[in-house]
Amino acid sequence: MICAGLLLGLAIRRSEPSRFWPYGTFFAMPWRMRPIPVLIGVLAHAFRWEAIYVAGTGAEIGALVACLVVGVIITPITDRMRLPFADLAFASVVSLMPGVFLFRMAGGIVDLVGLGSKAPQELFNQVVADGTTAILIILAMSFGLILPKMCIQNLTRSLLQRRG
């Protein structure tokens, strides 16, 4: 659906597929805010690669670690500067979206439908594995971004109530 939407949008606008679109354009983000998710995203990817290659975790845990880092860093920034958390947090980790797993799963489903009962068991297993991996990465990203925000906000409220 992503590919279809992109091609349809390009056809309607009669744009060239190679035309440059600034990163923040997709998030309707002011120019002054654009360095924030880029820098935090770089740091998040460093933690992700460390989790995957040094600690030997899978892509799911790597995404969780990266998103936890983003959630912990971006929550105080967005609260203090009164910026939209969702925009900055997701823009920092959007490249972690499991597109490759979703596209492979979709291609495998098309192959399964085309082959019917002649489809090999390995193809079915790969479709299930790709779909499961994609779902786990998306869940890890969701929890990784939201849990730090909730914990930090609850801690901040508790501290403010004790002072007041």
N, C-alpha and C. Protein backbone atom coordinates (compact mmCIF):
# COMPACT_ATOMS: atom_id res chain seq x y z
N MET A 1 0.82 -1.19 0.00
CA MET A 1 0.00 0.00 0.00
C MET A 1 0.87 1.26 0.00
N ILE A 2 2.01 1.18 0.68
CA ILE A 2 2.91 2.33 0.71
C ILE A 2 3.39 2.64 -0.70
N CYS A 3 3.82 1.59 -1.40
CA CYS A 3 4.30 1.78 -2.78
C CYS A 3 3.19 2.32 -3.68
N ALA A 4 2.00 1.76 -3.54
CA ALA A 4 0.88 2.20 -4.38
C ALA A 4 0.55 3.66 -4.09
N GLY A 5 0.51 4.03 -2.81
CA GLY A 5 0.23 5.42 -2.45
C GLY A 5 1.28 6.38 -2.96
N LEU A 6 2.54 5.97 -2.86
CA LEU A 6 3.63 6.81 -3.34
C LEU A 6 3.53 7.01 -4.85
N LEU A 7 3.33 5.93 -5.58
CA LEU A 7 3.24 6.04 -7.04
C LEU A 7 2.02 6.84 -7.47
N LEU A 8 0.90 6.63 -6.80
CA LEU A 8 -0.32 7.39 -7.11
C LEU A 8 -0.10 8.88 -6.84
N GLY A 9 0.49 9.18 -5.68
CA GLY A 9 0.75 10.58 -5.34
C GLY A 9 1.69 11.25 -6.33
N LEU A 10 2.71 10.53 -6.76
CA LEU A 10 3.64 11.08 -7.74
C LEU A 10 2.95 11.28 -9.09
N ALA A 11 2.07 10.35 -9.45
CA ALA A 11 1.36 10.47 -10.72
C ALA A 11 0.41 11.66 -10.71
N ILE A 12 -0.28 11.85 -9.60
CA ILE A 12 -1.24 12.96 -9.50
C ILE A 12 -0.50 14.29 -9.56
N ARG A 13 0.60 14.40 -8.85
CA ARG A 13 1.37 15.65 -8.84
C ARG A 13 2.27 15.77 -10.06
N ARG A 14 2.39 14.71 -10.84
CA ARG A 14 3.27 14.65 -12.01
C ARG A 14 4.71 14.99 -11.61
N SER A 15 5.12 14.45 -10.46
CA SER A 15 6.47 14.67 -9.96
C SER A 15 7.39 13.56 -10.43
N GLU A 16 8.64 13.88 -10.48
CA GLU A 16 9.65 12.87 -10.80
C GLU A 16 9.96 12.09 -9.52
N PRO A 17 10.07 10.77 -9.59
CA PRO A 17 10.37 9.99 -8.39
C PRO A 17 11.72 10.36 -7.76
N SER A 18 12.65 10.88 -8.54
CA SER A 18 13.96 11.20 -8.00
C SER A 18 14.03 12.60 -7.39
N ARG A 19 12.95 13.33 -7.43
CA ARG A 19 12.95 14.69 -6.88
C ARG A 19 13.19 14.64 -5.37
N PHE A 20 13.99 15.57 -4.87
CA PHE A 20 14.34 15.61 -3.45
C PHE A 20 13.20 16.21 -2.64
N TRP A 21 12.83 15.52 -1.57
CA TRP A 21 11.85 16.03 -0.62
C TRP A 21 12.53 16.10 0.73
N PRO A 22 12.60 17.28 1.35
CA PRO A 22 13.26 17.39 2.66
C PRO A 22 12.63 16.45 3.68
N TYR A 23 13.47 15.89 4.55
CA TYR A 23 13.08 14.91 5.56
C TYR A 23 11.88 15.37 6.38
N GLY A 24 11.91 16.58 6.88
CA GLY A 24 10.86 17.09 7.76
C GLY A 24 9.56 17.41 7.06
N THR A 25 9.57 17.44 5.74
CA THR A 25 8.36 17.76 4.98
C THR A 25 7.24 16.77 5.30
N PHE A 26 7.59 15.51 5.47
CA PHE A 26 6.59 14.48 5.71
C PHE A 26 5.95 14.61 7.08
N PHE A 27 6.57 15.36 7.97
CA PHE A 27 6.06 15.53 9.32
C PHE A 27 5.53 16.94 9.56
N ALA A 28 5.47 17.79 8.53
CA ALA A 28 5.02 19.17 8.64
C ALA A 28 5.75 19.86 9.79
N MET A 29 7.05 19.69 9.83
CA MET A 29 7.89 20.15 10.92
C MET A 29 8.59 21.45 10.54
N PRO A 30 8.55 22.46 11.41
CA PRO A 30 9.28 23.70 11.12
C PRO A 30 10.78 23.42 11.01
N TRP A 31 11.46 24.24 10.23
CA TRP A 31 12.90 24.06 9.99
C TRP A 31 13.69 24.07 11.27
N ARG A 32 13.32 24.90 12.23
CA ARG A 32 14.09 25.02 13.47
C ARG A 32 14.07 23.73 14.29
N MET A 33 13.05 22.90 14.11
CA MET A 33 12.93 21.66 14.86
C MET A 33 13.62 20.48 14.19
N ARG A 34 13.95 20.57 12.92
CA ARG A 34 14.44 19.42 12.17
C ARG A 34 15.75 18.82 12.67
N PRO A 35 16.67 19.61 13.19
CA PRO A 35 17.90 18.97 13.70
C PRO A 35 17.68 18.07 14.91
N ILE A 36 16.64 18.33 15.69
CA ILE A 36 16.41 17.56 16.92
C ILE A 36 16.19 16.08 16.61
N PRO A 37 15.21 15.69 15.79
CA PRO A 37 15.04 14.26 15.55
C PRO A 37 16.19 13.63 14.77
N VAL A 38 16.87 14.42 13.96
CA VAL A 38 18.01 13.87 13.22
C VAL A 38 19.12 13.47 14.19
N LEU A 39 19.48 14.37 15.09
CA LEU A 39 20.55 14.09 16.04
C LEU A 39 20.17 12.97 17.01
N ILE A 40 18.95 13.00 17.49
CA ILE A 40 18.50 11.94 18.41
C ILE A 40 18.38 10.62 17.67
N GLY A 41 17.95 10.66 16.41
CA GLY A 41 17.87 9.44 15.61
C GLY A 41 19.24 8.82 15.37
N VAL A 42 20.26 9.64 15.18
CA VAL A 42 21.62 9.13 15.01
C VAL A 42 22.05 8.39 16.28
N LEU A 43 21.81 8.99 17.42
CA LEU A 43 22.15 8.37 18.69
C LEU A 43 21.37 7.07 18.89
N ALA A 44 20.10 7.09 18.55
CA ALA A 44 19.26 5.90 18.69
C ALA A 44 19.77 4.76 17.82
N HIS A 45 20.17 5.08 16.60
CA HIS A 45 20.70 4.04 15.72
C HIS A 45 22.02 3.48 16.24
N ALA A 46 22.82 4.31 16.87
CA ALA A 46 24.06 3.81 17.47
C ALA A 46 23.74 2.78 18.56
N PHE A 47 22.75 3.09 19.39
CA PHE A 47 22.35 2.14 20.43
C PHE A 47 21.76 0.87 19.81
N ARG A 48 21.00 1.03 18.74
CA ARG A 48 20.41 -0.14 18.06
C ARG A 48 21.49 -1.07 17.54
N TRP A 49 22.49 -0.48 16.86
CA TRP A 49 23.57 -1.30 16.30
C TRP A 49 24.38 -1.96 17.41
N GLU A 50 24.58 -1.26 18.51
CA GLU A 50 25.29 -1.86 19.64
C GLU A 50 24.50 -3.05 20.18
N ALA A 51 23.19 -2.90 20.31
CA ALA A 51 22.36 -3.99 20.81
C ALA A 51 22.41 -5.20 19.88
N ILE A 52 22.35 -4.94 18.58
CA ILE A 52 22.32 -6.04 17.62
C ILE A 52 23.69 -6.69 17.46
N TYR A 53 24.72 -5.89 17.24
CA TYR A 53 26.02 -6.46 16.90
C TYR A 53 26.91 -6.75 18.09
N VAL A 54 26.82 -5.97 19.15
CA VAL A 54 27.68 -6.22 20.31
C VAL A 54 27.00 -7.18 21.28
N ALA A 55 25.73 -6.89 21.59
CA ALA A 55 25.00 -7.74 22.53
C ALA A 55 24.39 -8.97 21.87
N GLY A 56 24.31 -8.97 20.55
CA GLY A 56 23.80 -10.13 19.83
C GLY A 56 22.29 -10.30 19.87
N THR A 57 21.56 -9.20 20.07
CA THR A 57 20.10 -9.30 20.09
C THR A 57 19.56 -9.30 18.66
N GLY A 58 18.26 -9.48 18.53
CA GLY A 58 17.62 -9.41 17.22
C GLY A 58 17.17 -8.01 16.89
N ALA A 59 16.59 -7.85 15.73
CA ALA A 59 16.11 -6.54 15.27
C ALA A 59 15.03 -5.99 16.19
N GLU A 60 14.24 -6.87 16.78
CA GLU A 60 13.15 -6.44 17.66
C GLU A 60 13.69 -5.76 18.92
N ILE A 61 14.66 -6.40 19.56
CA ILE A 61 15.24 -5.84 20.78
C ILE A 61 16.06 -4.60 20.44
N GLY A 62 16.72 -4.61 19.29
CA GLY A 62 17.46 -3.43 18.85
C GLY A 62 16.54 -2.23 18.69
N ALA A 63 15.37 -2.45 18.10
CA ALA A 63 14.38 -1.37 17.94
C ALA A 63 13.87 -0.90 19.29
N LEU A 64 13.65 -1.84 20.20
CA LEU A 64 13.19 -1.48 21.54
C LEU A 64 14.21 -0.61 22.25
N VAL A 65 15.48 -1.00 22.20
CA VAL A 65 16.54 -0.23 22.84
C VAL A 65 16.61 1.18 22.24
N ALA A 66 16.60 1.25 20.92
CA ALA A 66 16.68 2.56 20.25
C ALA A 66 15.51 3.45 20.64
N CYS A 67 14.32 2.89 20.68
CA CYS A 67 13.14 3.70 21.01
C CYS A 67 13.10 4.08 22.48
N LEU A 68 13.60 3.22 23.35
CA LEU A 68 13.71 3.60 24.76
C LEU A 68 14.64 4.80 24.92
N VAL A 69 15.76 4.77 24.21
CA VAL A 69 16.70 5.89 24.26
C VAL A 69 16.01 7.16 23.78
N VAL A 70 15.31 7.07 22.67
CA VAL A 70 14.61 8.25 22.13
C VAL A 70 13.56 8.74 23.12
N GLY A 71 12.77 7.84 23.68
CA GLY A 71 11.74 8.24 24.62
C GLY A 71 12.30 8.94 25.85
N VAL A 72 13.42 8.44 26.36
CA VAL A 72 14.04 9.04 27.55
C VAL A 72 14.61 10.42 27.23
N ILE A 73 15.20 10.56 26.05
CA ILE A 73 15.82 11.84 25.69
C ILE A 73 14.78 12.88 25.25
N ILE A 74 13.82 12.45 24.46
CA ILE A 74 12.93 13.42 23.82
C ILE A 74 11.81 13.90 24.75
N THR A 75 11.43 13.11 25.74
CA THR A 75 10.35 13.53 26.64
C THR A 75 10.66 14.84 27.36
N PRO A 76 11.82 14.96 28.03
CA PRO A 76 12.09 16.25 28.69
C PRO A 76 12.26 17.40 27.70
N ILE A 77 12.81 17.10 26.53
CA ILE A 77 12.99 18.16 25.52
C ILE A 77 11.64 18.70 25.06
N THR A 78 10.73 17.80 24.74
CA THR A 78 9.42 18.24 24.25
C THR A 78 8.60 18.91 25.35
N ASP A 79 8.74 18.43 26.58
CA ASP A 79 8.02 19.06 27.69
C ASP A 79 8.54 20.47 27.95
N ARG A 80 9.86 20.62 28.00
CA ARG A 80 10.46 21.92 28.31
C ARG A 80 10.23 22.92 27.19
N MET A 81 10.37 22.48 25.94
CA MET A 81 10.25 23.40 24.80
C MET A 81 8.82 23.48 24.27
N ARG A 82 7.91 22.72 24.87
CA ARG A 82 6.51 22.67 24.45
C ARG A 82 6.39 22.32 22.96
N LEU A 83 7.07 21.24 22.60
CA LEU A 83 7.04 20.73 21.23
C LEU A 83 6.22 19.45 21.20
N PRO A 84 5.70 19.07 20.04
CA PRO A 84 4.89 17.85 19.94
C PRO A 84 5.75 16.58 20.07
N PHE A 85 5.49 15.80 21.12
CA PHE A 85 6.25 14.57 21.38
C PHE A 85 6.16 13.60 20.20
N ALA A 86 4.95 13.34 19.73
CA ALA A 86 4.76 12.34 18.68
C ALA A 86 5.54 12.69 17.42
N ASP A 87 5.52 13.94 17.03
CA ASP A 87 6.24 14.35 15.82
C ASP A 87 7.73 14.10 15.94
N LEU A 88 8.31 14.57 17.02
CA LEU A 88 9.76 14.47 17.18
C LEU A 88 10.20 13.03 17.47
N ALA A 89 9.44 12.33 18.30
CA ALA A 89 9.81 10.96 18.65
C ALA A 89 9.74 10.04 17.43
N PHE A 90 8.63 10.11 16.71
CA PHE A 90 8.50 9.21 15.55
C PHE A 90 9.46 9.60 14.44
N ALA A 91 9.67 10.89 14.23
CA ALA A 91 10.62 11.31 13.21
C ALA A 91 12.03 10.81 13.53
N SER A 92 12.34 10.64 14.81
CA SER A 92 13.65 10.15 15.21
C SER A 92 13.84 8.66 14.90
N VAL A 93 12.75 7.91 14.87
CA VAL A 93 12.87 6.45 14.70
C VAL A 93 12.14 5.90 13.48
N VAL A 94 11.65 6.77 12.63
CA VAL A 94 10.85 6.31 11.49
C VAL A 94 11.63 5.33 10.61
N SER A 95 12.93 5.48 10.54
CA SER A 95 13.71 4.57 9.70
C SER A 95 13.80 3.17 10.28
N LEU A 96 13.35 2.97 11.50
CA LEU A 96 13.33 1.63 12.09
C LEU A 96 12.10 0.83 11.66
N MET A 97 11.16 1.48 11.01
CA MET A 97 9.95 0.77 10.59
C MET A 97 10.35 -0.44 9.74
N PRO A 98 9.72 -1.57 9.99
CA PRO A 98 10.16 -2.83 9.36
C PRO A 98 9.66 -3.03 7.94
N GLY A 99 9.90 -2.05 7.09
CA GLY A 99 9.42 -2.12 5.72
C GLY A 99 9.89 -3.36 4.97
N VAL A 100 11.15 -3.73 5.13
CA VAL A 100 11.67 -4.88 4.40
C VAL A 100 10.92 -6.16 4.77
N PHE A 101 10.60 -6.31 6.06
CA PHE A 101 9.86 -7.50 6.48
C PHE A 101 8.43 -7.48 5.95
N LEU A 102 7.80 -6.30 5.95
CA LEU A 102 6.44 -6.20 5.43
C LEU A 102 6.38 -6.44 3.93
N PHE A 103 7.35 -5.90 3.19
CA PHE A 103 7.37 -6.10 1.74
C PHE A 103 7.66 -7.56 1.40
N ARG A 104 8.59 -8.19 2.14
CA ARG A 104 8.87 -9.61 1.89
C ARG A 104 7.65 -10.46 2.22
N MET A 105 6.96 -10.12 3.31
CA MET A 105 5.75 -10.85 3.68
C MET A 105 4.69 -10.70 2.59
N ALA A 106 4.50 -9.48 2.11
CA ALA A 106 3.49 -9.24 1.07
C ALA A 106 3.85 -10.00 -0.20
N GLY A 107 5.12 -9.97 -0.58
CA GLY A 107 5.55 -10.72 -1.77
C GLY A 107 5.35 -12.21 -1.58
N GLY A 108 5.63 -12.70 -0.37
CA GLY A 108 5.43 -14.11 -0.08
C GLY A 108 3.97 -14.51 -0.13
N ILE A 109 3.10 -13.62 0.35
CA ILE A 109 1.66 -13.91 0.29
C ILE A 109 1.19 -14.00 -1.16
N VAL A 110 1.69 -13.08 -1.99
CA VAL A 110 1.34 -13.13 -3.41
C VAL A 110 1.83 -14.44 -4.02
N ASP A 111 3.04 -14.85 -3.66
CA ASP A 111 3.56 -16.14 -4.16
C ASP A 111 2.71 -17.30 -3.67
N LEU A 112 2.31 -17.27 -2.39
CA LEU A 112 1.46 -18.33 -1.84
C LEU A 112 0.14 -18.44 -2.59
N VAL A 113 -0.45 -17.29 -2.87
CA VAL A 113 -1.73 -17.29 -3.59
C VAL A 113 -1.52 -17.83 -5.01
N GLY A 114 -0.44 -17.41 -5.65
CA GLY A 114 -0.17 -17.85 -7.01
C GLY A 114 0.13 -19.34 -7.11
N LEU A 115 0.84 -19.86 -6.12
CA LEU A 115 1.22 -21.28 -6.16
C LEU A 115 0.12 -22.18 -5.61
N GLY A 116 -0.73 -21.63 -4.77
CA GLY A 116 -1.83 -22.41 -4.21
C GLY A 116 -1.32 -23.58 -3.40
N SER A 117 -1.87 -24.75 -3.64
CA SER A 117 -1.50 -25.94 -2.86
C SER A 117 -0.09 -26.44 -3.21
N LYS A 118 0.49 -25.93 -4.27
CA LYS A 118 1.84 -26.35 -4.67
C LYS A 118 2.93 -25.53 -3.95
N ALA A 119 2.53 -24.59 -3.12
CA ALA A 119 3.50 -23.74 -2.42
C ALA A 119 4.30 -24.57 -1.43
N PRO A 120 5.60 -24.37 -1.40
CA PRO A 120 6.42 -25.12 -0.44
C PRO A 120 6.21 -24.62 0.99
N GLN A 121 6.37 -25.51 1.93
CA GLN A 121 6.21 -25.17 3.34
C GLN A 121 7.18 -24.07 3.77
N GLU A 122 8.38 -24.04 3.20
CA GLU A 122 9.38 -23.04 3.54
C GLU A 122 8.88 -21.63 3.22
N LEU A 123 8.13 -21.48 2.12
CA LEU A 123 7.58 -20.18 1.74
C LEU A 123 6.59 -19.71 2.80
N PHE A 124 5.71 -20.61 3.22
CA PHE A 124 4.75 -20.27 4.26
C PHE A 124 5.47 -19.88 5.56
N ASN A 125 6.47 -20.66 5.94
CA ASN A 125 7.24 -20.37 7.15
C ASN A 125 7.90 -19.00 7.07
N GLN A 126 8.44 -18.66 5.90
CA GLN A 126 9.10 -17.36 5.74
C GLN A 126 8.10 -16.21 5.83
N VAL A 127 6.91 -16.38 5.26
CA VAL A 127 5.87 -15.36 5.34
C VAL A 127 5.48 -15.12 6.79
N VAL A 128 5.29 -16.19 7.54
CA VAL A 128 4.92 -16.07 8.95
C VAL A 128 6.06 -15.41 9.74
N ALA A 129 7.29 -15.81 9.48
CA ALA A 129 8.44 -15.24 10.19
C ALA A 129 8.59 -13.75 9.89
N ASP A 130 8.45 -13.36 8.63
CA ASP A 130 8.56 -11.94 8.27
C ASP A 130 7.44 -11.12 8.91
N GLY A 131 6.23 -11.63 8.87
CA GLY A 131 5.10 -10.92 9.47
C GLY A 131 5.24 -10.80 10.98
N THR A 132 5.67 -11.86 11.62
CA THR A 132 5.86 -11.84 13.07
C THR A 132 6.96 -10.86 13.45
N THR A 133 8.05 -10.88 12.72
CA THR A 133 9.15 -9.95 13.00
C THR A 133 8.67 -8.51 12.85
N ALA A 134 7.93 -8.22 11.80
CA ALA A 134 7.42 -6.86 11.59
C ALA A 134 6.52 -6.42 12.74
N ILE A 135 5.63 -7.28 13.15
CA ILE A 135 4.72 -6.95 14.25
C ILE A 135 5.49 -6.71 15.55
N LEU A 136 6.47 -7.57 15.82
CA LEU A 136 7.26 -7.41 17.04
C LEU A 136 8.07 -6.12 17.03
N ILE A 137 8.61 -5.75 15.88
CA ILE A 137 9.36 -4.49 15.79
C ILE A 137 8.43 -3.30 16.02
N ILE A 138 7.25 -3.32 15.43
CA ILE A 138 6.30 -2.22 15.61
C ILE A 138 5.86 -2.13 17.08
N LEU A 139 5.61 -3.27 17.71
CA LEU A 139 5.26 -3.26 19.14
C LEU A 139 6.41 -2.74 19.98
N ALA A 140 7.63 -3.17 19.67
CA ALA A 140 8.81 -2.70 20.41
C ALA A 140 8.97 -1.20 20.26
N MET A 141 8.75 -0.69 19.06
CA MET A 141 8.85 0.75 18.84
C MET A 141 7.78 1.49 19.63
N SER A 142 6.58 0.98 19.61
CA SER A 142 5.47 1.64 20.33
C SER A 142 5.75 1.70 21.82
N PHE A 143 6.08 0.56 22.41
CA PHE A 143 6.35 0.53 23.84
C PHE A 143 7.61 1.31 24.18
N GLY A 144 8.62 1.22 23.33
CA GLY A 144 9.87 1.93 23.58
C GLY A 144 9.72 3.44 23.60
N LEU A 145 8.81 3.96 22.82
CA LEU A 145 8.58 5.41 22.82
C LEU A 145 7.64 5.85 23.93
N ILE A 146 6.61 5.06 24.18
CA ILE A 146 5.56 5.48 25.11
C ILE A 146 5.92 5.25 26.58
N LEU A 147 6.56 4.12 26.90
CA LEU A 147 6.85 3.83 28.30
C LEU A 147 7.73 4.88 28.97
N PRO A 148 8.83 5.31 28.36
CA PRO A 148 9.62 6.36 29.02
C PRO A 148 8.82 7.65 29.22
N LYS A 149 8.00 8.01 28.24
CA LYS A 149 7.19 9.23 28.36
C LYS A 149 6.25 9.13 29.54
N MET A 150 5.57 8.00 29.67
CA MET A 150 4.63 7.81 30.78
C MET A 150 5.36 7.82 32.12
N CYS A 151 6.49 7.12 32.20
CA CYS A 151 7.24 7.06 33.47
C CYS A 151 7.79 8.43 33.86
N ILE A 152 8.35 9.14 32.92
CA ILE A 152 8.92 10.46 33.21
C ILE A 152 7.82 11.44 33.62
N GLN A 153 6.70 11.41 32.92
CA GLN A 153 5.61 12.32 33.27
C GLN A 153 5.02 11.99 34.64
N ASN A 154 4.89 10.70 34.97
CA ASN A 154 4.38 10.33 36.30
C ASN A 154 5.36 10.73 37.39
N LEU A 155 6.65 10.55 37.14
CA LEU A 155 7.67 10.94 38.10
C LEU A 155 7.66 12.45 38.31
N THR A 156 7.55 13.19 37.21
CA THR A 156 7.51 14.65 37.29
C THR A 156 6.30 15.12 38.07
N ARG A 157 5.14 14.53 37.82
CA ARG A 157 3.92 14.89 38.56
C ARG A 157 4.07 14.61 40.05
N SER A 158 4.64 13.45 40.37
CA SER A 158 4.83 13.09 41.77
C SER A 158 5.75 14.09 42.47
N LEU A 159 6.83 14.46 41.81
CA LEU A 159 7.76 15.43 42.39
C LEU A 159 7.12 16.79 42.57
N LEU A 160 6.33 17.21 41.60
CA LEU A 160 5.64 18.50 41.70
C LEU A 160 4.59 18.50 42.81
N GLN A 161 3.91 17.38 43.00
CA GLN A 161 2.90 17.29 44.06
C GLN A 161 3.55 17.33 45.43
N ARG A 162 4.73 16.75 45.58
CA ARG A 162 5.43 16.76 46.86
C ARG A 162 5.91 18.16 47.21
N ARG A 163 6.30 18.91 46.19
CA ARG A 163 6.78 20.30 46.41
C ARG A 163 5.61 21.22 46.73
N GLY A 164 4.47 20.97 46.08
CA GLY A 164 3.35 21.89 46.17
C GLY A 164 2.46 21.54 47.28
